[in-house]
PDB file of N, CA and C in Angstrom:
ATOM      1  N   MET A   1       0.816  -1.178   0.000  1.00  0.00           N
ATOM      2  CA  MET A   1       0.000   0.000   0.000  1.00  0.00           C
ATOM      3  C   MET A   1       0.875   1.262   0.000  1.00  0.00           C
ATOM      4  N   ALA A   2       1.892   1.260   0.839  1.00  0.00           N
ATOM      5  CA  ALA A   2       2.766   2.429   0.946  1.00  0.00           C
ATOM      6  C   ALA A   2       3.492   2.676  -0.366  1.00  0.00           C
ATOM      7  N   TYR A   3       3.924   1.613  -1.035  1.00  0.00           N
ATOM      8  CA  TYR A   3       4.633   1.780  -2.302  1.00  0.00           C
ATOM      9  C   TYR A   3       3.705   2.383  -3.356  1.00  0.00           C
ATOM     10  N   GLY A   4       2.461   1.949  -3.376  1.00  0.00           N
ATOM     11  CA  GLY A   4       1.477   2.530  -4.294  1.00  0.00           C
ATOM     12  C   GLY A   4       1.247   3.998  -4.009  1.00  0.00           C
ATOM     13  N   SER A   5       1.252   4.354  -2.740  1.00  0.00           N
ATOM     14  CA  SER A   5       1.070   5.755  -2.364  1.00  0.00           C
ATOM     15  C   SER A   5       2.239   6.610  -2.831  1.00  0.00           C
ATOM     16  N   VAL A   6       3.442   6.067  -2.757  1.00  0.00           N
ATOM     17  CA  VAL A   6       4.614   6.800  -3.249  1.00  0.00           C
ATOM     18  C   VAL A   6       4.477   7.045  -4.752  1.00  0.00           C
ATOM     19  N   CYS A   7       4.018   6.035  -5.468  1.00  0.00           N
ATOM     20  CA  CYS A   7       3.820   6.200  -6.914  1.00  0.00           C
ATOM     21  C   CYS A   7       2.758   7.260  -7.192  1.00  0.00           C
ATOM     22  N   ASP A   8       1.697   7.272  -6.403  1.00  0.00           N
ATOM     23  CA  ASP A   8       0.659   8.299  -6.550  1.00  0.00           C
ATOM     24  C   ASP A   8       1.230   9.690  -6.318  1.00  0.00           C
ATOM     25  N   VAL A   9       2.046   9.834  -5.287  1.00  0.00           N
ATOM     26  CA  VAL A   9       2.652  11.135  -4.976  1.00  0.00           C
ATOM     27  C   VAL A   9       3.551  11.583  -6.116  1.00  0.00           C
ATOM     28  N   GLU A  10       4.352  10.670  -6.646  1.00  0.00           N
ATOM     29  CA  GLU A  10       5.239  11.015  -7.755  1.00  0.00           C
ATOM     30  C   GLU A  10       4.424  11.490  -8.958  1.00  0.00           C
ATOM     31  N   TYR A  11       3.337  10.795  -9.248  1.00  0.00           N
ATOM     32  CA  TYR A  11       2.493  11.189 -10.376  1.00  0.00           C
ATOM     33  C   TYR A  11       1.875  12.567 -10.141  1.00  0.00           C
ATOM     34  N   GLN A  12       1.334  12.776  -8.951  1.00  0.00           N
ATOM     35  CA  GLN A  12       0.694  14.051  -8.655  1.00  0.00           C
ATOM     36  C   GLN A  12       1.693  15.207  -8.674  1.00  0.00           C
ATOM     37  N   LEU A  13       2.914  14.951  -8.240  1.00  0.00           N
ATOM     38  CA  LEU A  13       3.949  15.981  -8.298  1.00  0.00           C
ATOM     39  C   LEU A  13       4.299  16.326  -9.739  1.00  0.00           C
ATOM     40  N   SER A  14       4.428  15.313 -10.579  1.00  0.00           N
ATOM     41  CA  SER A  14       4.756  15.591 -11.977  1.00  0.00           C
ATOM     42  C   SER A  14       3.599  16.317 -12.661  1.00  0.00           C
ATOM     43  N   LEU A  15       2.376  15.974 -12.285  1.00  0.00           N
ATOM     44  CA  LEU A  15       1.211  16.669 -12.827  1.00  0.00           C
ATOM     45  C   LEU A  15       1.192  18.134 -12.375  1.00  0.00           C
ATOM     46  N   ALA A  16       1.445  18.364 -11.097  1.00  0.00           N
ATOM     47  CA  ALA A  16       1.480  19.729 -10.562  1.00  0.00           C
ATOM     48  C   ALA A  16       2.576  20.543 -11.235  1.00  0.00           C
ATOM     49  N   GLN A  17       3.696  19.912 -11.483  1.00  0.00           N
ATOM     50  CA  GLN A  17       4.791  20.609 -12.169  1.00  0.00           C
ATOM     51  C   GLN A  17       4.385  20.927 -13.606  1.00  0.00           C
ATOM     52  N   GLY A  18       3.780  19.970 -14.279  1.00  0.00           N
ATOM     53  CA  GLY A  18       3.352  20.182 -15.659  1.00  0.00           C
ATOM     54  C   GLY A  18       2.311  21.279 -15.790  1.00  0.00           C
ATOM     55  N   LEU A  19       1.490  21.453 -14.758  1.00  0.00           N
ATOM     56  CA  LEU A  19       0.461  22.490 -14.769  1.00  0.00           C
ATOM     57  C   LEU A  19       0.962  23.804 -14.177  1.00  0.00           C
ATOM     58  N   SER A  20       2.246  23.859 -13.883  1.00  0.00           N
ATOM     59  CA  SER A  20       2.917  25.055 -13.347  1.00  0.00           C
ATOM     60  C   SER A  20       2.418  25.459 -11.963  1.00  0.00           C
ATOM     61  N   TYR A  21       1.987  24.477 -11.165  1.00  0.00           N
ATOM     62  CA  TYR A  21       1.629  24.744  -9.774  1.00  0.00           C
ATOM     63  C   TYR A  21       2.872  24.727  -8.884  1.00  0.00           C
ATOM     64  N   LEU A  22       3.919  24.058  -9.343  1.00  0.00           N
ATOM     65  CA  LEU A  22       5.172  23.978  -8.605  1.00  0.00           C
ATOM     66  C   LEU A  22       6.304  24.446  -9.504  1.00  0.00           C
ATOM     67  N   GLU A  23       7.257  25.131  -8.900  1.00  0.00           N
ATOM     68  CA  GLU A  23       8.463  25.488  -9.644  1.00  0.00           C
ATOM     69  C   GLU A  23       9.256  24.207  -9.903  1.00  0.00           C
ATOM     70  N   GLU A  24       9.988  24.216 -10.983  1.00  0.00           N
ATOM     71  CA  GLU A  24      10.734  23.022 -11.381  1.00  0.00           C
ATOM     72  C   GLU A  24      11.716  22.568 -10.300  1.00  0.00           C
ATOM     73  N   LYS A  25      12.406  23.524  -9.685  1.00  0.00           N
ATOM     74  CA  LYS A  25      13.392  23.190  -8.654  1.00  0.00           C
ATOM     75  C   LYS A  25      12.725  22.552  -7.435  1.00  0.00           C
ATOM     76  N   VAL A  26      11.604  23.105  -7.004  1.00  0.00           N
ATOM     77  CA  VAL A  26      10.880  22.564  -5.847  1.00  0.00           C
ATOM     78  C   VAL A  26      10.359  21.170  -6.174  1.00  0.00           C
ATOM     79  N   ALA A  27       9.754  21.017  -7.350  1.00  0.00           N
ATOM     80  CA  ALA A  27       9.222  19.718  -7.755  1.00  0.00           C
ATOM     81  C   ALA A  27      10.338  18.675  -7.821  1.00  0.00           C
ATOM     82  N   ALA A  28      11.488  19.050  -8.359  1.00  0.00           N
ATOM     83  CA  ALA A  28      12.611  18.112  -8.474  1.00  0.00           C
ATOM     84  C   ALA A  28      13.072  17.649  -7.095  1.00  0.00           C
ATOM     85  N   ASN A  29      13.125  18.559  -6.132  1.00  0.00           N
ATOM     86  CA  ASN A  29      13.535  18.183  -4.779  1.00  0.00           C
ATOM     87  C   ASN A  29      12.540  17.222  -4.137  1.00  0.00           C
ATOM     88  N   VAL A  30      11.270  17.515  -4.273  1.00  0.00           N
ATOM     89  CA  VAL A  30      10.248  16.667  -3.647  1.00  0.00           C
ATOM     90  C   VAL A  30      10.174  15.313  -4.352  1.00  0.00           C
ATOM     91  N   ILE A  31      10.300  15.319  -5.671  1.00  0.00           N
ATOM     92  CA  ILE A  31      10.297  14.054  -6.415  1.00  0.00           C
ATOM     93  C   ILE A  31      11.504  13.209  -6.020  1.00  0.00           C
ATOM     94  N   SER A  32      12.628  13.850  -5.773  1.00  0.00           N
ATOM     95  CA  SER A  32      13.819  13.130  -5.326  1.00  0.00           C
ATOM     96  C   SER A  32      13.577  12.435  -3.992  1.00  0.00           C
ATOM     97  N   VAL A  33      12.925  13.126  -3.074  1.00  0.00           N
ATOM     98  CA  VAL A  33      12.597  12.524  -1.768  1.00  0.00           C
ATOM     99  C   VAL A  33      11.611  11.370  -1.951  1.00  0.00           C
ATOM    100  N   ALA A  34      10.623  11.549  -2.811  1.00  0.00           N
ATOM    101  CA  ALA A  34       9.653  10.483  -3.067  1.00  0.00           C
ATOM    102  C   ALA A  34      10.340   9.268  -3.694  1.00  0.00           C
ATOM    103  N   ASN A  35      11.274   9.512  -4.609  1.00  0.00           N
ATOM    104  CA  ASN A  35      12.030   8.405  -5.218  1.00  0.00           C
ATOM    105  C   ASN A  35      12.832   7.643  -4.175  1.00  0.00           C
ATOM    106  N   GLU A  36      13.496   8.361  -3.295  1.00  0.00           N
ATOM    107  CA  GLU A  36      14.281   7.713  -2.244  1.00  0.00           C
ATOM    108  C   GLU A  36      13.370   6.904  -1.321  1.00  0.00           C
ATOM    109  N   THR A  37      12.222   7.447  -0.990  1.00  0.00           N
ATOM    110  CA  THR A  37      11.264   6.731  -0.155  1.00  0.00           C
ATOM    111  C   THR A  37      10.827   5.440  -0.843  1.00  0.00           C
ATOM    112  N   GLY A  38      10.576   5.515  -2.137  1.00  0.00           N
ATOM    113  CA  GLY A  38      10.209   4.323  -2.899  1.00  0.00           C
ATOM    114  C   GLY A  38      11.305   3.278  -2.889  1.00  0.00           C
ATOM    115  N   ARG A  39      12.558   3.712  -3.024  1.00  0.00           N
ATOM    116  CA  ARG A  39      13.683   2.764  -2.979  1.00  0.00           C
ATOM    117  C   ARG A  39      13.790   2.088  -1.618  1.00  0.00           C
ATOM    118  N   VAL A  40      13.599   2.866  -0.548  1.00  0.00           N
ATOM    119  CA  VAL A  40      13.669   2.301   0.801  1.00  0.00           C
ATOM    120  C   VAL A  40      12.545   1.283   1.000  1.00  0.00           C
ATOM    121  N   LEU A  41      11.348   1.626   0.566  1.00  0.00           N
ATOM    122  CA  LEU A  41      10.222   0.697   0.685  1.00  0.00           C
ATOM    123  C   LEU A  41      10.466  -0.571  -0.132  1.00  0.00           C
ATOM    124  N   ASN A  42      11.031  -0.404  -1.315  1.00  0.00           N
ATOM    125  CA  ASN A  42      11.320  -1.557  -2.156  1.00  0.00           C
ATOM    126  C   ASN A  42      12.321  -2.493  -1.487  1.00  0.00           C
ATOM    127  N   ARG A  43      13.373  -1.922  -0.893  1.00  0.00           N
ATOM    128  CA  ARG A  43      14.354  -2.748  -0.170  1.00  0.00           C
ATOM    129  C   ARG A  43      13.710  -3.444   1.023  1.00  0.00           C
ATOM    130  N   LEU A  44      12.826  -2.747   1.727  1.00  0.00           N
ATOM    131  CA  LEU A  44      12.129  -3.352   2.855  1.00  0.00           C
ATOM    132  C   LEU A  44      11.275  -4.513   2.393  1.00  0.00           C
ATOM    133  N   LEU A  45      10.520  -4.338   1.320  1.00  0.00           N
ATOM    134  CA  LEU A  45       9.682  -5.408   0.807  1.00  0.00           C
ATOM    135  C   LEU A  45      10.513  -6.613   0.387  1.00  0.00           C
ATOM    136  N   ARG A  46      11.640  -6.371  -0.314  1.00  0.00           N
ATOM    137  CA  ARG A  46      12.498  -7.484  -0.707  1.00  0.00           C
ATOM    138  C   ARG A  46      13.068  -8.208   0.515  1.00  0.00           C
ATOM    139  N   SER A  47      13.433  -7.446   1.531  1.00  0.00           N
ATOM    140  CA  SER A  47      13.975  -8.032   2.751  1.00  0.00           C
ATOM    141  C   SER A  47      12.942  -8.904   3.448  1.00  0.00           C
ATOM    142  N   LEU A  48      11.726  -8.419   3.515  1.00  0.00           N
ATOM    143  CA  LEU A  48      10.667  -9.183   4.166  1.00  0.00           C
ATOM    144  C   LEU A  48      10.331 -10.454   3.395  1.00  0.00           C
ATOM    145  N   LYS A  49      10.353 -10.379   2.065  1.00  0.00           N
ATOM    146  CA  LYS A  49      10.051 -11.552   1.251  1.00  0.00           C
ATOM    147  C   LYS A  49      11.147 -12.602   1.354  1.00  0.00           C
ATOM    148  N   SER A  50      12.399 -12.175   1.404  1.00  0.00           N
ATOM    149  CA  SER A  50      13.498 -13.133   1.464  1.00  0.00           C
ATOM    150  C   SER A  50      13.661 -13.746   2.848  1.00  0.00           C
ATOM    151  N   GLY A  51      13.133 -13.082   3.862  1.00  0.00           N
ATOM    152  CA  GLY A  51      13.223 -13.587   5.222  1.00  0.00           C
ATOM    153  C   GLY A  51      12.201 -14.645   5.571  1.00  0.00           C
ATOM    154  N   SER A  52      11.177 -14.818   4.709  1.00  0.00           N
ATOM    155  CA  SER A  52      10.130 -15.792   5.030  1.00  0.00           C
ATOM    156  C   SER A  52      10.446 -17.166   4.577  1.00  0.00           C
TER     157      SER A  52
END
């Protein structure tokens, strides 16, 4: 669920940037944080699957 939410946030950020609601620099910073969060969640999911 959390990974899907990260994908939703990334999409909404890119949409907001495309509609000029966010400056490019601000959007890039927030998208970077969302990407890192997605990577951390992905590693957690892989860890949990391999531990079972």
